[in-house]
Amino acid sequence: MKKSGKWLIAAAAFIAVGTLLLVFAFGMSRRNDSVFDAMEYEPRTVTIEEDFRGIMIRTHTEDISLLPSNDGKCKVVFYEPEKAEFGAAVSDGILSVESEPDNGKWYEHFSFFSSTGQRKIAVYLPGKDYAKLSVQGSTGDIRIPMGFSFESIEIGVSTGDVDCAAACSGTVFVKASTGDIRLSQLNAAQIDLSVSTGAVKLDSVSCTGSLGISVSTGKTALTNVSCGVFTSEGSTGDVSLTNVTADKLLSVTRSTGDVKLHRCDAASLDLHTTTGSVNCSLLSPKTFNARTGTGHVSVPENFGADGKCEVSTTTGDIKIEIAE
């Protein structure tokens, strides 16, 4: 090997070792007082004096939280880097909360350079009932607790989890690229959920109209849910429904994944998966039409049934029973 080649290999090795030592040193500095402690995100508060009915939030890397106000005043608290640009104001009855992208140095984005790590925005609301809530974020979690009610809820996030427990008299629309969607203790007229890579979890949710869930890759789990029509489509991921009832139709379609229903029911059921098994316990008899390419089929006899249940899988077993 030529000397120049050996020198290049040696130089690369020294650089790699130096980088590891630098990372370790910065990580250890978080455990003690250091110059990096000065990079903590100090809370900066904007007090809102005007009345408003709607809320619109546009952010980039912040976690977003709606919280009840303890003093009857609206306050928006920003936990941002010193040079970050942000603001909150009311216009035409809409509270607008916005932040600009973080244009800091690349190394400032790593958590071990800061004792806090994540940028955050907390919105303290004095009332309980509002019109439209619209939240659009890039990277960050969104949390909306119980106690608030909106006429419509629209949430979009690229990378982050969404937790929502607010009531809604209209439509709840949530779309995420990478992250989980969790709804709990929520009532709405219509629900539309979409996620590319992530799980969808619903607990104690009531929807008078349609409830639709679209998943590319991820699990779907529902517990104690009622709606008019339930539809779930996805490519890869298991579906688990417990105590889920639909007045008209309950439909599940997957390319790869198991479909499990425990004490569920609807006037009509359509359950289809290409690679996976179907295991169900229903609350009332149905007229069953079950087909599998490779697997076993076990369904109750068709007697006294008012509705129908269509089930198919290419590879997997089908087992259905009527719950006692």
C-alpha atoms as a PDB file:
ATOM      1  CA  MET A   1       0.000   0.000   0.000  1.00  0.00           C
ATOM      2  CA  LYS A   2       1.299   3.472  -0.821  1.00  0.00           C
ATOM      3  CA  LYS A   3       2.222   5.790   2.049  1.00  0.00           C
ATOM      4  CA  SER A   4      -0.443   8.277   0.976  1.00  0.00           C
ATOM      5  CA  GLY A   5      -3.102   5.597   1.343  1.00  0.00           C
ATOM      6  CA  LYS A   6      -1.902   4.662   4.814  1.00  0.00           C
ATOM      7  CA  TRP A   7      -1.940   8.310   5.874  1.00  0.00           C
ATOM      8  CA  LEU A   8      -5.505   8.687   4.633  1.00  0.00           C
ATOM      9  CA  ILE A   9      -6.653   5.648   6.617  1.00  0.00           C
ATOM     10  CA  ALA A  10      -4.875   6.890   9.724  1.00  0.00           C
ATOM     11  CA  ALA A  11      -6.378  10.353   9.368  1.00  0.00           C
ATOM     12  CA  ALA A  12      -9.877   8.918   8.978  1.00  0.00           C
ATOM     13  CA  ALA A  13      -9.395   6.806  12.096  1.00  0.00           C
ATOM     14  CA  PHE A  14      -8.225   9.814  14.132  1.00  0.00           C
ATOM     15  CA  ILE A  15     -11.227  11.834  12.955  1.00  0.00           C
ATOM     16  CA  ALA A  16     -13.644   9.030  13.911  1.00  0.00           C
ATOM     17  CA  VAL A  17     -12.113   8.640  17.373  1.00  0.00           C
ATOM     18  CA  GLY A  18     -12.104  12.399  17.911  1.00  0.00           C
ATOM     19  CA  THR A  19     -15.765  12.636  16.945  1.00  0.00           C
ATOM     20  CA  LEU A  20     -16.732   9.883  19.386  1.00  0.00           C
ATOM     21  CA  LEU A  21     -14.796  11.549  22.192  1.00  0.00           C
ATOM     22  CA  LEU A  22     -16.481  14.874  21.423  1.00  0.00           C
ATOM     23  CA  VAL A  23     -19.932  13.301  21.506  1.00  0.00           C
ATOM     24  CA  PHE A  24     -19.146  11.565  24.793  1.00  0.00           C
ATOM     25  CA  ALA A  25     -17.841  14.791  26.321  1.00  0.00           C
ATOM     26  CA  PHE A  26     -20.995  16.700  25.365  1.00  0.00           C
ATOM     27  CA  GLY A  27     -23.183  13.911  26.720  1.00  0.00           C
ATOM     28  CA  MET A  28     -21.333  13.924  30.031  1.00  0.00           C
ATOM     29  CA  SER A  29     -21.576  17.710  30.266  1.00  0.00           C
ATOM     30  CA  ARG A  30     -25.361  17.399  30.671  1.00  0.00           C
ATOM     31  CA  ARG A  31     -24.802  15.725  34.021  1.00  0.00           C
ATOM     32  CA  ASN A  32     -22.948  18.731  35.414  1.00  0.00           C
ATOM     33  CA  ASP A  33     -23.105  22.508  35.280  1.00  0.00           C
ATOM     34  CA  SER A  34     -21.528  23.656  32.040  1.00  0.00           C
ATOM     35  CA  VAL A  35     -21.622  26.364  29.413  1.00  0.00           C
ATOM     36  CA  PHE A  36     -24.288  24.403  27.570  1.00  0.00           C
ATOM     37  CA  ASP A  37     -26.741  24.868  30.442  1.00  0.00           C
ATOM     38  CA  ALA A  38     -27.080  28.450  29.199  1.00  0.00           C
ATOM     39  CA  MET A  39     -28.894  27.070  26.157  1.00  0.00           C
ATOM     40  CA  GLU A  40     -32.001  26.141  28.164  1.00  0.00           C
ATOM     41  CA  TYR A  41     -35.191  27.323  26.530  1.00  0.00           C
ATOM     42  CA  GLU A  42     -36.496  30.056  28.807  1.00  0.00           C
ATOM     43  CA  PRO A  43     -40.294  30.398  28.702  1.00  0.00           C
ATOM     44  CA  ARG A  44     -41.527  33.524  26.946  1.00  0.00           C
ATOM     45  CA  THR A  45     -45.187  34.402  27.380  1.00  0.00           C
ATOM     46  CA  VAL A  46     -47.595  36.234  25.087  1.00  0.00           C
ATOM     47  CA  THR A  47     -50.813  37.325  26.831  1.00  0.00           C
ATOM     48  CA  ILE A  48     -53.922  37.531  24.647  1.00  0.00           C
ATOM     49  CA  GLU A  49     -56.443  40.209  25.644  1.00  0.00           C
ATOM     50  CA  GLU A  50     -58.927  39.916  22.755  1.00  0.00           C
ATOM     51  CA  ASP A  51     -61.788  37.429  22.558  1.00  0.00           C
ATOM     52  CA  PHE A  52     -61.631  34.681  19.945  1.00  0.00           C
ATOM     53  CA  ARG A  53     -63.664  31.697  18.797  1.00  0.00           C
ATOM     54  CA  GLY A  54     -61.270  29.789  16.559  1.00  0.00           C
ATOM     55  CA  ILE A  55     -57.703  28.614  17.034  1.00  0.00           C
ATOM     56  CA  MET A  56     -55.086  28.157  14.299  1.00  0.00           C
ATOM     57  CA  ILE A  57     -51.590  26.879  15.126  1.00  0.00           C
ATOM     58  CA  ARG A  58     -48.745  26.624  12.575  1.00  0.00           C
ATOM     59  CA  THR A  59     -45.428  25.269  13.856  1.00  0.00           C
ATOM     60  CA  HIS A  60     -42.325  23.360  12.791  1.00  0.00           C
ATOM     61  CA  THR A  61     -40.465  21.357  15.455  1.00  0.00           C
ATOM     62  CA  GLU A  62     -42.411  22.191  18.606  1.00  0.00           C
ATOM     63  CA  ASP A  63     -44.523  19.999  20.857  1.00  0.00           C
ATOM     64  CA  ILE A  64     -47.989  21.579  21.111  1.00  0.00           C
ATOM     65  CA  SER A  65     -50.209  21.398  24.205  1.00  0.00           C
ATOM     66  CA  LEU A  66     -53.605  22.948  24.896  1.00  0.00           C
ATOM     67  CA  LEU A  67     -54.178  23.527  28.608  1.00  0.00           C
ATOM     68  CA  PRO A  68     -56.930  25.118  30.740  1.00  0.00           C
ATOM     69  CA  SER A  69     -56.105  28.552  32.088  1.00  0.00           C
ATOM     70  CA  ASN A  70     -56.059  28.910  35.874  1.00  0.00           C
ATOM     71  CA  ASP A  71     -56.604  32.679  35.949  1.00  0.00           C
ATOM     72  CA  GLY A  72     -59.198  33.115  33.185  1.00  0.00           C
ATOM     73  CA  LYS A  73     -56.682  34.657  30.776  1.00  0.00           C
ATOM     74  CA  CYS A  74     -55.340  33.343  27.510  1.00  0.00           C
ATOM     75  CA  LYS A  75     -51.595  32.917  27.472  1.00  0.00           C
ATOM     76  CA  VAL A  76     -49.292  31.351  24.917  1.00  0.00           C
ATOM     77  CA  VAL A  77     -45.977  30.216  26.371  1.00  0.00           C
ATOM     78  CA  PHE A  78     -43.103  29.575  23.975  1.00  0.00           C
ATOM     79  CA  TYR A  79     -40.099  27.476  24.918  1.00  0.00           C
ATOM     80  CA  GLU A  80     -37.833  28.450  22.053  1.00  0.00           C
ATOM     81  CA  PRO A  81     -34.175  29.205  21.302  1.00  0.00           C
ATOM     82  CA  GLU A  82     -33.204  32.826  21.839  1.00  0.00           C
ATOM     83  CA  LYS A  83     -33.017  33.602  18.125  1.00  0.00           C
ATOM     84  CA  ALA A  84     -36.235  31.826  17.170  1.00  0.00           C
ATOM     85  CA  GLU A  85     -39.082  33.838  15.661  1.00  0.00           C
ATOM     86  CA  PHE A  86     -42.607  33.219  16.916  1.00  0.00           C
ATOM     87  CA  GLY A  87     -45.801  35.051  17.724  1.00  0.00           C
ATOM     88  CA  ALA A  88     -49.443  34.866  18.818  1.00  0.00           C
ATOM     89  CA  ALA A  89     -52.244  37.304  17.997  1.00  0.00           C
ATOM     90  CA  VAL A  90     -55.989  37.526  17.352  1.00  0.00           C
ATOM     91  CA  SER A  91     -57.397  38.532  13.965  1.00  0.00           C
ATOM     92  CA  ASP A  92     -61.025  38.253  12.834  1.00  0.00           C
ATOM     93  CA  GLY A  93     -61.887  36.195  15.890  1.00  0.00           C
ATOM     94  CA  ILE A  94     -59.091  33.660  15.269  1.00  0.00           C
ATOM     95  CA  LEU A  95     -56.188  33.103  17.641  1.00  0.00           C
ATOM     96  CA  SER A  96     -53.142  32.494  15.427  1.00  0.00           C
ATOM     97  CA  VAL A  97     -50.024  30.910  16.902  1.00  0.00           C
ATOM     98  CA  GLU A  98     -47.014  30.601  14.616  1.00  0.00           C
ATOM     99  CA  SER A  99     -43.323  29.808  14.726  1.00  0.00           C
ATOM    100  CA  GLU A 100     -40.585  30.060  12.127  1.00  0.00           C
ATOM    101  CA  PRO A 101     -38.130  27.271  11.256  1.00  0.00           C
ATOM    102  CA  ASP A 102     -35.087  26.994  13.535  1.00  0.00           C
ATOM    103  CA  ASN A 103     -32.161  28.411  11.569  1.00  0.00           C
ATOM    104  CA  GLY A 104     -29.584  27.732  14.274  1.00  0.00           C
ATOM    105  CA  LYS A 105     -26.353  25.845  13.819  1.00  0.00           C
ATOM    106  CA  TRP A 106     -26.615  22.181  12.943  1.00  0.00           C
ATOM    107  CA  TYR A 107     -25.142  21.073  16.244  1.00  0.00           C
ATOM    108  CA  GLU A 108     -27.797  22.979  18.207  1.00  0.00           C
ATOM    109  CA  HIS A 109     -30.404  20.479  17.037  1.00  0.00           C
ATOM    110  CA  PHE A 110     -28.865  17.604  19.013  1.00  0.00           C
ATOM    111  CA  SER A 111     -30.325  17.104  22.483  1.00  0.00           C
ATOM    112  CA  PHE A 112     -27.008  16.655  24.262  1.00  0.00           C
ATOM    113  CA  PHE A 113     -26.126  20.273  23.404  1.00  0.00           C
ATOM    114  CA  SER A 114     -29.071  21.455  25.461  1.00  0.00           C
ATOM    115  CA  SER A 115     -30.424  20.483  28.847  1.00  0.00           C
ATOM    116  CA  THR A 116     -34.018  20.770  27.613  1.00  0.00           C
ATOM    117  CA  GLY A 117     -33.860  19.457  24.065  1.00  0.00           C
ATOM    118  CA  GLN A 118     -37.368  19.884  22.685  1.00  0.00           C
ATOM    119  CA  ARG A 119     -38.996  23.134  21.659  1.00  0.00           C
ATOM    120  CA  LYS A 120     -42.517  23.504  23.087  1.00  0.00           C
ATOM    121  CA  ILE A 121     -45.571  25.724  22.882  1.00  0.00           C
ATOM    122  CA  ALA A 122     -48.263  25.682  25.570  1.00  0.00           C
ATOM    123  CA  VAL A 123     -51.584  27.426  24.865  1.00  0.00           C
ATOM    124  CA  TYR A 124     -53.609  28.214  28.014  1.00  0.00           C
ATOM    125  CA  LEU A 125     -57.273  28.672  27.126  1.00  0.00           C
ATOM    126  CA  PRO A 126     -59.763  30.481  29.400  1.00  0.00           C
ATOM    127  CA  GLY A 127     -62.901  28.895  27.937  1.00  0.00           C
ATOM    128  CA  LYS A 128     -64.081  25.422  27.094  1.00  0.00           C
ATOM    129  CA  ASP A 129     -66.104  25.813  23.887  1.00  0.00           C
ATOM    130  CA  TYR A 130     -64.560  27.004  20.638  1.00  0.00           C
ATOM    131  CA  ALA A 131     -65.273  26.844  16.921  1.00  0.00           C
ATOM    132  CA  LYS A 132     -62.608  25.395  14.630  1.00  0.00           C
ATOM    133  CA  LEU A 133     -59.289  24.085  15.895  1.00  0.00           C
ATOM    134  CA  SER A 134     -56.613  23.783  13.214  1.00  0.00           C
ATOM    135  CA  VAL A 135     -53.113  22.548  14.043  1.00  0.00           C
ATOM    136  CA  GLN A 136     -50.403  22.000  11.437  1.00  0.00           C
ATOM    137  CA  GLY A 137     -46.930  20.905  12.524  1.00  0.00           C
ATOM    138  CA  SER A 138     -43.860  19.341  11.015  1.00  0.00           C
ATOM    139  CA  THR A 139     -42.005  17.582  13.822  1.00  0.00           C
ATOM    140  CA  GLY A 140     -43.465  17.441  17.308  1.00  0.00           C
ATOM    141  CA  ASP A 141     -46.232  15.919  19.397  1.00  0.00           C
ATOM    142  CA  ILE A 142     -49.718  17.416  19.717  1.00  0.00           C
ATOM    143  CA  ARG A 143     -51.804  16.984  22.869  1.00  0.00           C
ATOM    144  CA  ILE A 144     -55.399  18.118  23.342  1.00  0.00           C
ATOM    145  CA  PRO A 145     -56.867  17.036  26.700  1.00  0.00           C
ATOM    146  CA  MET A 146     -60.416  16.502  27.916  1.00  0.00           C
ATOM    147  CA  GLY A 147     -62.471  19.518  28.942  1.00  0.00           C
ATOM    148  CA  PHE A 148     -62.436  21.336  25.603  1.00  0.00           C
ATOM    149  CA  SER A 149     -65.110  21.240  22.906  1.00  0.00           C
ATOM    150  CA  PHE A 150     -64.786  22.304  19.263  1.00  0.00           C
ATOM    151  CA  GLU A 151     -67.097  22.504  16.291  1.00  0.00           C
ATOM    152  CA  SER A 152     -64.375  20.938  14.137  1.00  0.00           C
ATOM    153  CA  ILE A 153     -60.854  19.639  14.675  1.00  0.00           C
ATOM    154  CA  GLU A 154     -58.211  19.433  11.928  1.00  0.00           C
ATOM    155  CA  ILE A 155     -54.703  18.234  12.756  1.00  0.00           C
ATOM    156  CA  GLY A 156     -51.782  17.496  10.445  1.00  0.00           C
ATOM    157  CA  VAL A 157     -48.280  16.463  11.452  1.00  0.00           C
ATOM    158  CA  SER A 158     -45.351  14.945   9.579  1.00  0.00           C
ATOM    159  CA  THR A 159     -43.389  13.328  12.402  1.00  0.00           C
ATOM    160  CA  GLY A 160     -44.990  13.195  15.829  1.00  0.00           C
ATOM    161  CA  ASP A 161     -47.757  11.688  17.912  1.00  0.00           C
ATOM    162  CA  VAL A 162     -51.272  13.100  18.248  1.00  0.00           C
ATOM    163  CA  ASP A 163     -53.248  12.669  21.479  1.00  0.00           C
ATOM    164  CA  CYS A 164     -56.760  14.106  21.470  1.00  0.00           C
ATOM    165  CA  ALA A 165     -59.540  13.755  24.043  1.00  0.00           C
ATOM    166  CA  ALA A 166     -61.606  16.866  23.251  1.00  0.00           C
ATOM    167  CA  ALA A 167     -65.251  16.753  22.220  1.00  0.00           C
ATOM    168  CA  CYS A 168     -66.285  17.754  18.710  1.00  0.00           C
ATOM    169  CA  SER A 169     -69.752  18.469  17.365  1.00  0.00           C
ATOM    170  CA  GLY A 170     -68.528  18.179  13.767  1.00  0.00           C
ATOM    171  CA  THR A 171     -65.640  16.386  12.065  1.00  0.00           C
ATOM    172  CA  VAL A 172     -62.350  15.253  13.588  1.00  0.00           C
ATOM    173  CA  PHE A 173     -59.684  15.004  10.881  1.00  0.00           C
ATOM    174  CA  VAL A 174     -56.181  13.846  11.802  1.00  0.00           C
ATOM    175  CA  LYS A 175     -53.399  13.045   9.351  1.00  0.00           C
ATOM    176  CA  ALA A 176     -49.872  11.972  10.293  1.00  0.00           C
ATOM    177  CA  SER A 177     -46.996  10.682   8.218  1.00  0.00           C
ATOM    178  CA  THR A 178     -44.859   9.093  10.933  1.00  0.00           C
ATOM    179  CA  GLY A 179     -46.318   8.834  14.417  1.00  0.00           C
ATOM    180  CA  ASP A 180     -49.183   7.423  16.428  1.00  0.00           C
ATOM    181  CA  ILE A 181     -52.745   8.751  16.575  1.00  0.00           C
ATOM    182  CA  ARG A 182     -54.568   8.276  19.877  1.00  0.00           C
ATOM    183  CA  LEU A 183     -58.147   9.368  20.587  1.00  0.00           C
ATOM    184  CA  SER A 184     -59.771   8.791  23.968  1.00  0.00           C
ATOM    185  CA  GLN A 185     -62.953   9.826  25.776  1.00  0.00           C
ATOM    186  CA  LEU A 186     -64.012  11.636  22.607  1.00  0.00           C
ATOM    187  CA  ASN A 187     -67.421  12.312  21.044  1.00  0.00           C
ATOM    188  CA  ALA A 188     -67.772  13.519  17.460  1.00  0.00           C
ATOM    189  CA  ALA A 189     -70.154  13.542  14.515  1.00  0.00           C
ATOM    190  CA  GLN A 190     -67.546  12.193  12.080  1.00  0.00           C
ATOM    191  CA  ILE A 191     -63.953  10.973  12.403  1.00  0.00           C
ATOM    192  CA  ASP A 192     -61.360  10.630   9.627  1.00  0.00           C
ATOM    193  CA  LEU A 193     -57.894   9.347  10.568  1.00  0.00           C
ATOM    194  CA  SER A 194     -54.919   8.701   8.292  1.00  0.00           C
ATOM    195  CA  VAL A 195     -51.348   7.628   9.076  1.00  0.00           C
ATOM    196  CA  SER A 196     -48.536   6.321   6.895  1.00  0.00           C
ATOM    197  CA  THR A 197     -46.222   4.727   9.462  1.00  0.00           C
ATOM    198  CA  GLY A 198     -47.637   4.481  12.950  1.00  0.00           C
ATOM    199  CA  ALA A 199     -50.375   3.033  15.107  1.00  0.00           C
ATOM    200  CA  VAL A 200     -53.963   4.166  15.582  1.00  0.00           C
ATOM    201  CA  LYS A 201     -55.517   3.656  19.022  1.00  0.00           C
ATOM    202  CA  LEU A 202     -59.045   4.621  20.073  1.00  0.00           C
ATOM    203  CA  ASP A 203     -60.529   4.152  23.529  1.00  0.00           C
ATOM    204  CA  SER A 204     -64.032   5.132  24.632  1.00  0.00           C
ATOM    205  CA  VAL A 205     -64.936   7.011  21.443  1.00  0.00           C
ATOM    206  CA  SER A 206     -68.429   7.724  20.149  1.00  0.00           C
ATOM    207  CA  CYS A 207     -69.153   8.840  16.585  1.00  0.00           C
ATOM    208  CA  THR A 208     -72.698   9.362  15.347  1.00  0.00           C
ATOM    209  CA  GLY A 209     -71.643   9.249  11.691  1.00  0.00           C
ATOM    210  CA  SER A 210     -68.784   7.564   9.869  1.00  0.00           C
ATOM    211  CA  LEU A 211     -65.457   6.562  11.401  1.00  0.00           C
ATOM    212  CA  GLY A 212     -62.707   5.983   8.847  1.00  0.00           C
ATOM    213  CA  ILE A 213     -59.133   4.845   9.493  1.00  0.00           C
ATOM    214  CA  SER A 214     -56.449   4.547   6.809  1.00  0.00           C
ATOM    215  CA  VAL A 215     -53.080   3.013   7.686  1.00  0.00           C
ATOM    216  CA  SER A 216     -50.169   2.152   5.423  1.00  0.00           C
ATOM    217  CA  THR A 217     -47.979   0.379   7.983  1.00  0.00           C
ATOM    218  CA  GLY A 218     -49.047   0.084  11.594  1.00  0.00           C
ATOM    219  CA  LYS A 219     -51.438  -1.521  14.028  1.00  0.00           C
ATOM    220  CA  THR A 220     -55.014  -0.430  14.626  1.00  0.00           C
ATOM    221  CA  ALA A 221     -56.588  -1.016  18.035  1.00  0.00           C
ATOM    222  CA  LEU A 222     -60.064   0.137  19.111  1.00  0.00           C
ATOM    223  CA  THR A 223     -61.751  -0.403  22.480  1.00  0.00           C
ATOM    224  CA  ASN A 224     -65.271   0.661  23.489  1.00  0.00           C
ATOM    225  CA  VAL A 225     -66.144   2.470  20.254  1.00  0.00           C
ATOM    226  CA  SER A 226     -69.547   3.090  18.683  1.00  0.00           C
ATOM    227  CA  CYS A 227     -70.332   4.699  15.322  1.00  0.00           C
ATOM    228  CA  GLY A 228     -72.704   4.690  12.400  1.00  0.00           C
ATOM    229  CA  VAL A 229     -70.296   3.229   9.835  1.00  0.00           C
ATOM    230  CA  PHE A 230     -66.774   1.920  10.486  1.00  0.00           C
ATOM    231  CA  THR A 231     -64.227   1.444   7.706  1.00  0.00           C
ATOM    232  CA  SER A 232     -60.531   0.663   8.014  1.00  0.00           C
ATOM    233  CA  GLU A 233     -58.117   0.183   5.137  1.00  0.00           C
ATOM    234  CA  GLY A 234     -54.416  -0.597   5.303  1.00  0.00           C
ATOM    235  CA  SER A 235     -51.462  -2.352   3.742  1.00  0.00           C
ATOM    236  CA  THR A 236     -49.546  -3.893   6.640  1.00  0.00           C
ATOM    237  CA  GLY A 237     -50.682  -4.166  10.245  1.00  0.00           C
ATOM    238  CA  ASP A 238     -52.968  -6.067  12.574  1.00  0.00           C
ATOM    239  CA  VAL A 239     -56.473  -4.874  13.445  1.00  0.00           C
ATOM    240  CA  SER A 240     -57.834  -5.461  16.942  1.00  0.00           C
ATOM    241  CA  LEU A 241     -61.372  -4.352  17.847  1.00  0.00           C
ATOM    242  CA  THR A 242     -62.914  -4.838  21.297  1.00  0.00           C
ATOM    243  CA  ASN A 243     -66.496  -3.792  22.067  1.00  0.00           C
ATOM    244  CA  VAL A 244     -66.837  -1.953  18.760  1.00  0.00           C
ATOM    245  CA  THR A 245     -70.318  -1.547  17.286  1.00  0.00           C
ATOM    246  CA  ALA A 246     -71.534   0.091  14.088  1.00  0.00           C
ATOM    247  CA  ASP A 247     -75.179   0.795  13.297  1.00  0.00           C
ATOM    248  CA  LYS A 248     -74.796  -0.043   9.605  1.00  0.00           C
ATOM    249  CA  LEU A 249     -71.449  -1.336   8.311  1.00  0.00           C
ATOM    250  CA  LEU A 250     -68.211  -2.565   9.868  1.00  0.00           C
ATOM    251  CA  SER A 251     -65.566  -3.005   7.171  1.00  0.00           C
ATOM    252  CA  VAL A 252     -61.874  -3.968   7.508  1.00  0.00           C
ATOM    253  CA  THR A 253     -59.453  -4.479   4.607  1.00  0.00           C
ATOM    254  CA  ARG A 254     -55.758  -5.408   4.934  1.00  0.00           C
ATOM    255  CA  SER A 255     -53.096  -6.764   2.629  1.00  0.00           C
ATOM    256  CA  THR A 256     -50.977  -8.234   5.419  1.00  0.00           C
ATOM    257  CA  GLY A 257     -52.207  -8.572   8.987  1.00  0.00           C
ATOM    258  CA  ASP A 258     -54.542 -10.409  11.322  1.00  0.00           C
ATOM    259  CA  VAL A 259     -58.083  -9.197  11.998  1.00  0.00           C
ATOM    260  CA  LYS A 260     -59.391  -9.760  15.527  1.00  0.00           C
ATOM    261  CA  LEU A 261     -62.850  -8.758  16.766  1.00  0.00           C
ATOM    262  CA  HIS A 262     -63.999  -9.330  20.340  1.00  0.00           C
ATOM    263  CA  ARG A 263     -67.664  -8.718  21.191  1.00  0.00           C
ATOM    264  CA  CYS A 264     -68.233  -6.524  18.148  1.00  0.00           C
ATOM    265  CA  ASP A 265     -71.234  -6.128  15.878  1.00  0.00           C
ATOM    266  CA  ALA A 266     -72.879  -4.261  13.005  1.00  0.00           C
ATOM    267  CA  ALA A 267     -75.819  -4.737  10.674  1.00  0.00           C
ATOM    268  CA  SER A 268     -73.325  -5.822   8.011  1.00  0.00           C
ATOM    269  CA  LEU A 269     -69.667  -6.858   8.270  1.00  0.00           C
ATOM    270  CA  ASP A 270     -66.984  -7.087   5.547  1.00  0.00           C
ATOM    271  CA  LEU A 271     -63.646  -8.463   6.741  1.00  0.00           C
ATOM    272  CA  HIS A 272     -60.864  -9.098   4.237  1.00  0.00           C
ATOM    273  CA  THR A 273     -57.133  -9.737   4.511  1.00  0.00           C
ATOM    274  CA  THR A 274     -54.729 -11.291   2.034  1.00  0.00           C
ATOM    275  CA  THR A 275     -52.101 -12.673   4.400  1.00  0.00           C
ATOM    276  CA  GLY A 276     -53.466 -13.142   7.891  1.00  0.00           C
ATOM    277  CA  SER A 277     -56.115 -14.841  10.004  1.00  0.00           C
ATOM    278  CA  VAL A 278     -59.581 -13.619  11.000  1.00  0.00           C
ATOM    279  CA  ASN A 279     -60.775 -14.358  14.527  1.00  0.00           C
ATOM    280  CA  CYS A 280     -64.086 -12.858  15.662  1.00  0.00           C
ATOM    281  CA  SER A 281     -66.713 -12.989  18.378  1.00  0.00           C
ATOM    282  CA  LEU A 282     -69.917 -11.189  17.388  1.00  0.00           C
ATOM    283  CA  LEU A 283     -72.897 -10.104  19.451  1.00  0.00           C
ATOM    284  CA  SER A 284     -75.631 -11.376  17.121  1.00  0.00           C
ATOM    285  CA  PRO A 285     -76.105 -14.112  14.481  1.00  0.00           C
ATOM    286  CA  LYS A 286     -75.304 -13.360  10.857  1.00  0.00           C
ATOM    287  CA  THR A 287     -75.501 -15.036   7.479  1.00  0.00           C
ATOM    288  CA  PHE A 288     -71.870 -15.992   6.931  1.00  0.00           C
ATOM    289  CA  ASN A 289     -69.916 -16.236   3.699  1.00  0.00           C
ATOM    290  CA  ALA A 290     -66.349 -17.198   4.608  1.00  0.00           C
ATOM    291  CA  ARG A 291     -63.572 -18.075   2.149  1.00  0.00           C
ATOM    292  CA  THR A 292     -59.875 -18.883   2.584  1.00  0.00           C
ATOM    293  CA  GLY A 293     -57.260 -20.079   0.118  1.00  0.00           C
ATOM    294  CA  THR A 294     -54.968 -21.760   2.622  1.00  0.00           C
ATOM    295  CA  GLY A 295     -56.402 -22.391   6.061  1.00  0.00           C
ATOM    296  CA  HIS A 296     -59.402 -23.621   8.030  1.00  0.00           C
ATOM    297  CA  VAL A 297     -62.873 -22.106   8.282  1.00  0.00           C
ATOM    298  CA  SER A 298     -65.071 -22.320  11.384  1.00  0.00           C
ATOM    299  CA  VAL A 299     -68.261 -20.243  11.491  1.00  0.00           C
ATOM    300  CA  PRO A 300     -71.664 -20.661  13.196  1.00  0.00           C
ATOM    301  CA  GLU A 301     -74.649 -22.055  11.342  1.00  0.00           C
ATOM    302  CA  ASN A 302     -76.766 -19.527   9.477  1.00  0.00           C
ATOM    303  CA  PHE A 303     -79.925 -19.389  11.565  1.00  0.00           C
ATOM    304  CA  GLY A 304     -82.073 -16.504  12.732  1.00  0.00           C
ATOM    305  CA  ALA A 305     -79.735 -14.030  11.101  1.00  0.00           C
ATOM    306  CA  ASP A 306     -80.853 -10.589   9.981  1.00  0.00           C
ATOM    307  CA  GLY A 307     -77.488  -9.277   8.783  1.00  0.00           C
ATOM    308  CA  LYS A 308     -74.617 -10.676   6.755  1.00  0.00           C
ATOM    309  CA  CYS A 309     -70.915 -11.204   7.353  1.00  0.00           C
ATOM    310  CA  GLU A 310     -68.502 -11.502   4.420  1.00  0.00           C
ATOM    311  CA  VAL A 311     -65.037 -12.815   5.367  1.00  0.00           C
ATOM    312  CA  SER A 312     -62.100 -13.721   3.148  1.00  0.00           C
ATOM    313  CA  THR A 313     -58.379 -14.368   3.387  1.00  0.00           C
ATOM    314  CA  THR A 314     -55.888 -15.887   1.003  1.00  0.00           C
ATOM    315  CA  THR A 315     -53.494 -17.275   3.589  1.00  0.00           C
ATOM    316  CA  GLY A 316     -54.858 -17.810   7.091  1.00  0.00           C
ATOM    317  CA  ASP A 317     -57.609 -19.316   9.205  1.00  0.00           C
ATOM    318  CA  ILE A 318     -61.109 -17.966   9.770  1.00  0.00           C
ATOM    319  CA  LYS A 319     -62.831 -18.520  13.104  1.00  0.00           C
ATOM    320  CA  ILE A 320     -66.078 -16.797  14.101  1.00  0.00           C
ATOM    321  CA  GLU A 321     -68.336 -17.368  17.070  1.00  0.00           C
ATOM    322  CA  ILE A 322     -71.344 -15.681  18.671  1.00  0.00           C
ATOM    323  CA  ALA A 323     -70.468 -14.221  22.058  1.00  0.00           C
ATOM    324  CA  GLU A 324     -72.613 -15.278  24.986  1.00  0.00           C
END
